[in-house]
N, C-alpha and C. Protein backbone atom coordinates (compact mmCIF):
# COMPACT_ATOMS: atom_id res chain seq x y z
N GLY A 1 -9.61 4.54 -17.94
CA GLY A 1 -9.55 5.82 -18.39
C GLY A 1 -10.20 6.80 -17.40
N ALA A 2 -10.15 8.04 -17.88
CA ALA A 2 -10.66 9.13 -17.00
C ALA A 2 -12.16 9.05 -17.05
N VAL A 3 -12.69 9.50 -15.88
CA VAL A 3 -14.11 9.53 -15.68
C VAL A 3 -14.50 10.96 -15.33
N HIS A 4 -15.63 11.47 -15.86
CA HIS A 4 -16.12 12.84 -15.54
C HIS A 4 -17.65 12.67 -15.42
N SER A 5 -18.16 13.03 -14.23
CA SER A 5 -19.53 12.92 -13.92
C SER A 5 -20.09 14.39 -13.57
N VAL A 6 -21.33 14.69 -14.10
CA VAL A 6 -21.99 15.95 -13.79
C VAL A 6 -23.40 15.58 -13.27
N ASN A 7 -23.78 16.18 -12.16
CA ASN A 7 -25.17 16.09 -11.59
C ASN A 7 -25.99 17.21 -12.13
N PHE A 8 -27.30 16.96 -12.26
CA PHE A 8 -28.18 18.05 -12.75
C PHE A 8 -29.40 18.12 -11.82
N ASP A 9 -29.71 19.40 -11.62
CA ASP A 9 -30.95 19.69 -10.82
C ASP A 9 -32.27 19.27 -11.45
N ALA A 10 -33.30 19.10 -10.65
CA ALA A 10 -34.58 18.56 -11.14
C ALA A 10 -35.21 19.61 -12.14
N SER A 11 -34.80 20.81 -12.07
CA SER A 11 -35.41 21.85 -13.00
C SER A 11 -34.89 21.76 -14.41
N VAL A 12 -33.82 20.99 -14.63
CA VAL A 12 -33.15 20.81 -15.96
C VAL A 12 -33.93 19.78 -16.63
N ASP A 13 -34.50 20.16 -17.91
CA ASP A 13 -35.36 19.28 -18.63
C ASP A 13 -34.52 18.53 -19.79
N SER A 14 -33.42 19.11 -20.18
CA SER A 14 -32.59 18.39 -21.09
C SER A 14 -31.10 18.77 -20.97
N VAL A 15 -30.17 17.83 -21.33
CA VAL A 15 -28.79 18.03 -21.25
C VAL A 15 -28.03 17.78 -22.51
N GLN A 16 -27.14 18.74 -22.89
CA GLN A 16 -26.34 18.55 -24.11
C GLN A 16 -24.92 18.10 -23.78
N VAL A 17 -24.45 17.16 -24.63
CA VAL A 17 -23.08 16.55 -24.40
C VAL A 17 -22.31 16.65 -25.67
N LEU A 18 -21.12 17.28 -25.62
CA LEU A 18 -20.31 17.27 -26.83
C LEU A 18 -18.90 16.60 -26.41
N LEU A 19 -18.58 15.59 -27.31
CA LEU A 19 -17.33 14.88 -27.06
C LEU A 19 -16.49 15.07 -28.45
N TYR A 20 -15.19 15.42 -28.21
CA TYR A 20 -14.32 15.57 -29.38
C TYR A 20 -12.88 15.39 -28.91
N THR A 21 -12.00 15.32 -29.94
CA THR A 21 -10.52 15.23 -29.67
C THR A 21 -9.87 16.13 -30.66
N ASP A 22 -8.55 16.21 -30.65
CA ASP A 22 -7.84 17.07 -31.43
C ASP A 22 -7.23 16.19 -32.66
N THR A 23 -8.11 15.66 -33.50
CA THR A 23 -7.77 14.85 -34.59
C THR A 23 -7.33 13.43 -34.28
N ARG A 24 -7.30 13.09 -33.05
CA ARG A 24 -6.93 11.74 -32.61
C ARG A 24 -8.18 10.83 -32.49
N GLN A 25 -8.02 9.61 -32.19
CA GLN A 25 -9.24 8.73 -32.12
C GLN A 25 -10.05 9.11 -30.87
N LEU A 26 -11.30 8.84 -31.09
CA LEU A 26 -12.32 9.19 -29.98
C LEU A 26 -12.79 7.74 -29.61
N ASN A 27 -12.65 7.37 -28.31
CA ASN A 27 -13.20 6.08 -27.85
C ASN A 27 -13.70 6.34 -26.49
N ALA A 28 -14.93 6.52 -26.32
CA ALA A 28 -15.60 6.86 -25.00
C ALA A 28 -16.91 6.27 -24.79
N GLN A 29 -17.33 6.35 -23.56
CA GLN A 29 -18.65 5.76 -23.14
C GLN A 29 -19.40 6.86 -22.40
N VAL A 30 -20.67 7.06 -22.81
CA VAL A 30 -21.48 8.14 -22.23
C VAL A 30 -22.62 7.40 -21.58
N GLU A 31 -22.93 7.69 -20.25
CA GLU A 31 -23.98 7.05 -19.44
C GLU A 31 -24.77 8.14 -19.01
N LEU A 32 -26.13 7.96 -19.11
CA LEU A 32 -27.17 8.75 -18.48
C LEU A 32 -27.85 7.98 -17.35
N LEU A 33 -27.60 8.42 -16.16
CA LEU A 33 -28.25 7.73 -14.93
C LEU A 33 -29.36 8.59 -14.41
N ASN A 34 -30.49 8.04 -14.21
CA ASN A 34 -31.63 8.72 -13.76
C ASN A 34 -32.21 8.07 -12.54
N GLY A 35 -31.64 8.58 -11.42
CA GLY A 35 -32.14 8.04 -10.10
C GLY A 35 -31.46 6.83 -9.69
N PRO A 36 -31.55 6.42 -8.42
CA PRO A 36 -30.78 5.25 -7.94
C PRO A 36 -31.47 3.89 -8.41
N ASN A 37 -32.70 3.87 -8.77
CA ASN A 37 -33.29 2.53 -9.03
C ASN A 37 -33.72 2.35 -10.47
N ASN A 38 -33.35 3.29 -11.28
CA ASN A 38 -33.73 3.10 -12.74
C ASN A 38 -32.57 2.56 -13.59
N PHE A 39 -32.86 2.00 -14.67
CA PHE A 39 -31.84 1.52 -15.60
C PHE A 39 -31.07 2.67 -16.19
N LYS A 40 -29.76 2.52 -16.38
CA LYS A 40 -29.01 3.57 -16.93
C LYS A 40 -29.04 3.32 -18.58
N GLN A 41 -28.78 4.41 -19.30
CA GLN A 41 -28.68 4.38 -20.70
C GLN A 41 -27.11 4.50 -20.91
N LYS A 42 -26.63 3.62 -21.71
CA LYS A 42 -25.10 3.59 -21.93
C LYS A 42 -24.93 3.55 -23.48
N TYR A 43 -24.04 4.44 -23.88
CA TYR A 43 -23.65 4.56 -25.34
C TYR A 43 -22.11 4.53 -25.48
N GLU A 44 -21.58 3.74 -26.37
CA GLU A 44 -20.18 3.73 -26.60
C GLU A 44 -19.94 4.34 -28.05
N VAL A 45 -18.90 5.15 -28.12
CA VAL A 45 -18.50 6.02 -29.17
C VAL A 45 -17.13 5.67 -29.65
N PHE A 46 -16.88 5.42 -30.94
CA PHE A 46 -15.52 5.22 -31.39
C PHE A 46 -15.52 5.90 -32.84
N THR A 47 -14.43 6.58 -33.07
CA THR A 47 -14.11 7.16 -34.37
C THR A 47 -12.57 7.38 -34.51
N ASN A 48 -12.04 7.30 -35.62
CA ASN A 48 -10.59 7.45 -35.86
C ASN A 48 -10.14 8.99 -35.75
N ASN A 49 -11.11 9.93 -36.00
CA ASN A 49 -10.79 11.37 -35.99
C ASN A 49 -11.81 12.03 -35.11
N GLY A 50 -11.62 12.28 -33.89
CA GLY A 50 -12.55 12.89 -32.99
C GLY A 50 -12.79 14.28 -33.28
N MET A 51 -12.11 14.93 -34.17
CA MET A 51 -12.49 16.36 -34.42
C MET A 51 -13.35 16.39 -35.68
N LEU A 52 -13.11 15.54 -36.68
CA LEU A 52 -13.91 15.45 -37.78
C LEU A 52 -15.31 14.78 -37.58
N ASN A 53 -15.28 13.85 -36.70
CA ASN A 53 -16.39 12.97 -36.35
C ASN A 53 -16.71 13.14 -34.82
N SER A 54 -16.97 14.35 -34.40
CA SER A 54 -17.22 14.54 -33.01
C SER A 54 -18.73 14.07 -32.72
N LEU A 55 -19.01 13.98 -31.39
CA LEU A 55 -20.29 13.53 -30.98
C LEU A 55 -20.98 14.69 -30.29
N TYR A 56 -22.28 14.99 -30.73
CA TYR A 56 -23.10 15.86 -30.04
C TYR A 56 -24.56 15.35 -29.83
N VAL A 57 -24.92 15.15 -28.68
CA VAL A 57 -26.26 14.62 -28.31
C VAL A 57 -26.93 15.46 -27.31
N VAL A 58 -28.28 15.46 -27.34
CA VAL A 58 -29.11 16.08 -26.26
C VAL A 58 -29.95 14.99 -25.69
N PHE A 59 -29.93 14.91 -24.40
CA PHE A 59 -30.74 13.92 -23.66
C PHE A 59 -31.88 14.58 -22.89
N ASN A 60 -33.03 14.05 -22.89
CA ASN A 60 -34.15 14.48 -22.12
C ASN A 60 -33.82 13.97 -20.71
N THR A 61 -33.98 14.91 -19.72
CA THR A 61 -33.72 14.45 -18.34
C THR A 61 -34.93 14.90 -17.38
N PRO A 62 -36.09 14.38 -17.57
CA PRO A 62 -37.14 14.69 -16.66
C PRO A 62 -36.91 14.21 -15.21
N GLY A 63 -37.43 14.91 -14.30
CA GLY A 63 -37.30 14.51 -12.75
C GLY A 63 -36.07 14.82 -12.20
N SER A 64 -35.76 14.17 -11.00
CA SER A 64 -34.52 14.55 -10.24
C SER A 64 -33.55 13.32 -10.35
N GLY A 65 -32.39 13.57 -9.90
CA GLY A 65 -31.40 12.46 -9.77
C GLY A 65 -30.76 12.19 -11.00
N ASN A 66 -30.65 13.12 -11.98
CA ASN A 66 -29.95 12.82 -13.38
C ASN A 66 -28.45 13.19 -13.22
N VAL A 67 -27.73 12.15 -13.76
CA VAL A 67 -26.20 12.27 -13.91
C VAL A 67 -25.80 11.79 -15.21
N VAL A 68 -24.92 12.66 -15.79
CA VAL A 68 -24.25 12.25 -17.02
C VAL A 68 -22.76 11.80 -16.70
N ARG A 69 -22.35 10.71 -17.14
CA ARG A 69 -21.06 10.24 -16.69
C ARG A 69 -20.24 9.91 -18.09
N VAL A 70 -19.11 10.47 -18.37
CA VAL A 70 -18.37 10.25 -19.58
C VAL A 70 -17.09 9.52 -19.08
N THR A 71 -16.76 8.45 -19.71
CA THR A 71 -15.53 7.66 -19.48
C THR A 71 -14.76 7.54 -20.85
N ASN A 72 -13.45 7.91 -20.69
CA ASN A 72 -12.56 7.78 -21.88
C ASN A 72 -12.01 6.37 -21.87
N LEU A 73 -12.37 5.66 -22.92
CA LEU A 73 -11.97 4.21 -22.95
C LEU A 73 -10.56 4.13 -23.68
N ALA A 74 -10.10 5.18 -24.28
CA ALA A 74 -8.92 5.20 -25.03
C ALA A 74 -7.67 5.25 -24.01
N PRO A 75 -6.46 4.89 -24.50
CA PRO A 75 -5.27 5.02 -23.70
C PRO A 75 -4.97 6.46 -23.38
N LEU A 76 -4.08 6.73 -22.47
CA LEU A 76 -3.66 8.07 -22.08
C LEU A 76 -3.34 8.96 -23.19
N GLU A 77 -2.70 8.38 -24.31
CA GLU A 77 -2.19 9.12 -25.34
C GLU A 77 -3.33 9.75 -26.31
N PHE A 78 -4.56 9.39 -25.95
CA PHE A 78 -5.62 9.76 -26.80
C PHE A 78 -6.69 10.46 -25.87
N PRO A 79 -6.46 11.64 -25.36
CA PRO A 79 -7.43 12.27 -24.48
C PRO A 79 -8.63 12.85 -25.32
N CYS A 80 -9.77 12.88 -24.62
CA CYS A 80 -10.95 13.34 -25.29
C CYS A 80 -11.48 14.52 -24.33
N LYS A 81 -12.13 15.40 -25.05
CA LYS A 81 -12.62 16.61 -24.31
C LYS A 81 -14.17 16.44 -24.28
N ALA A 82 -14.82 16.73 -23.14
CA ALA A 82 -16.19 16.63 -22.95
C ALA A 82 -16.79 17.96 -22.38
N PHE A 83 -17.85 18.38 -23.06
CA PHE A 83 -18.59 19.52 -22.60
C PHE A 83 -20.05 19.05 -22.36
N ILE A 84 -20.41 19.30 -21.07
CA ILE A 84 -21.68 18.84 -20.63
C ILE A 84 -22.44 20.05 -19.91
N ALA A 85 -23.61 20.38 -20.42
CA ALA A 85 -24.30 21.54 -19.94
C ALA A 85 -25.95 21.32 -20.08
N SER A 86 -26.58 22.12 -19.39
CA SER A 86 -28.05 22.01 -19.54
C SER A 86 -28.34 22.73 -20.82
N ALA A 87 -29.36 22.16 -21.55
CA ALA A 87 -29.81 22.72 -22.83
C ALA A 87 -30.86 23.80 -22.73
């Protein structure tokens, strides 16, 4: 599936992530990577209606080297929209 990654500056303390679809199924993976040598946090999301049951989370991102990566695990017929921004 499609992959979207966003890097964040060390001055950003938290990041907000919104995933949704246009009433189709949402099947995605959200990863928070913090530096090259730290363990990543990985979350998988599935719902049959990505507009009714969208995902909104806020991650704390202290320090530098933070990356949020969203992967759409659904087939091409089920696109998802991701908004990722500093909080």
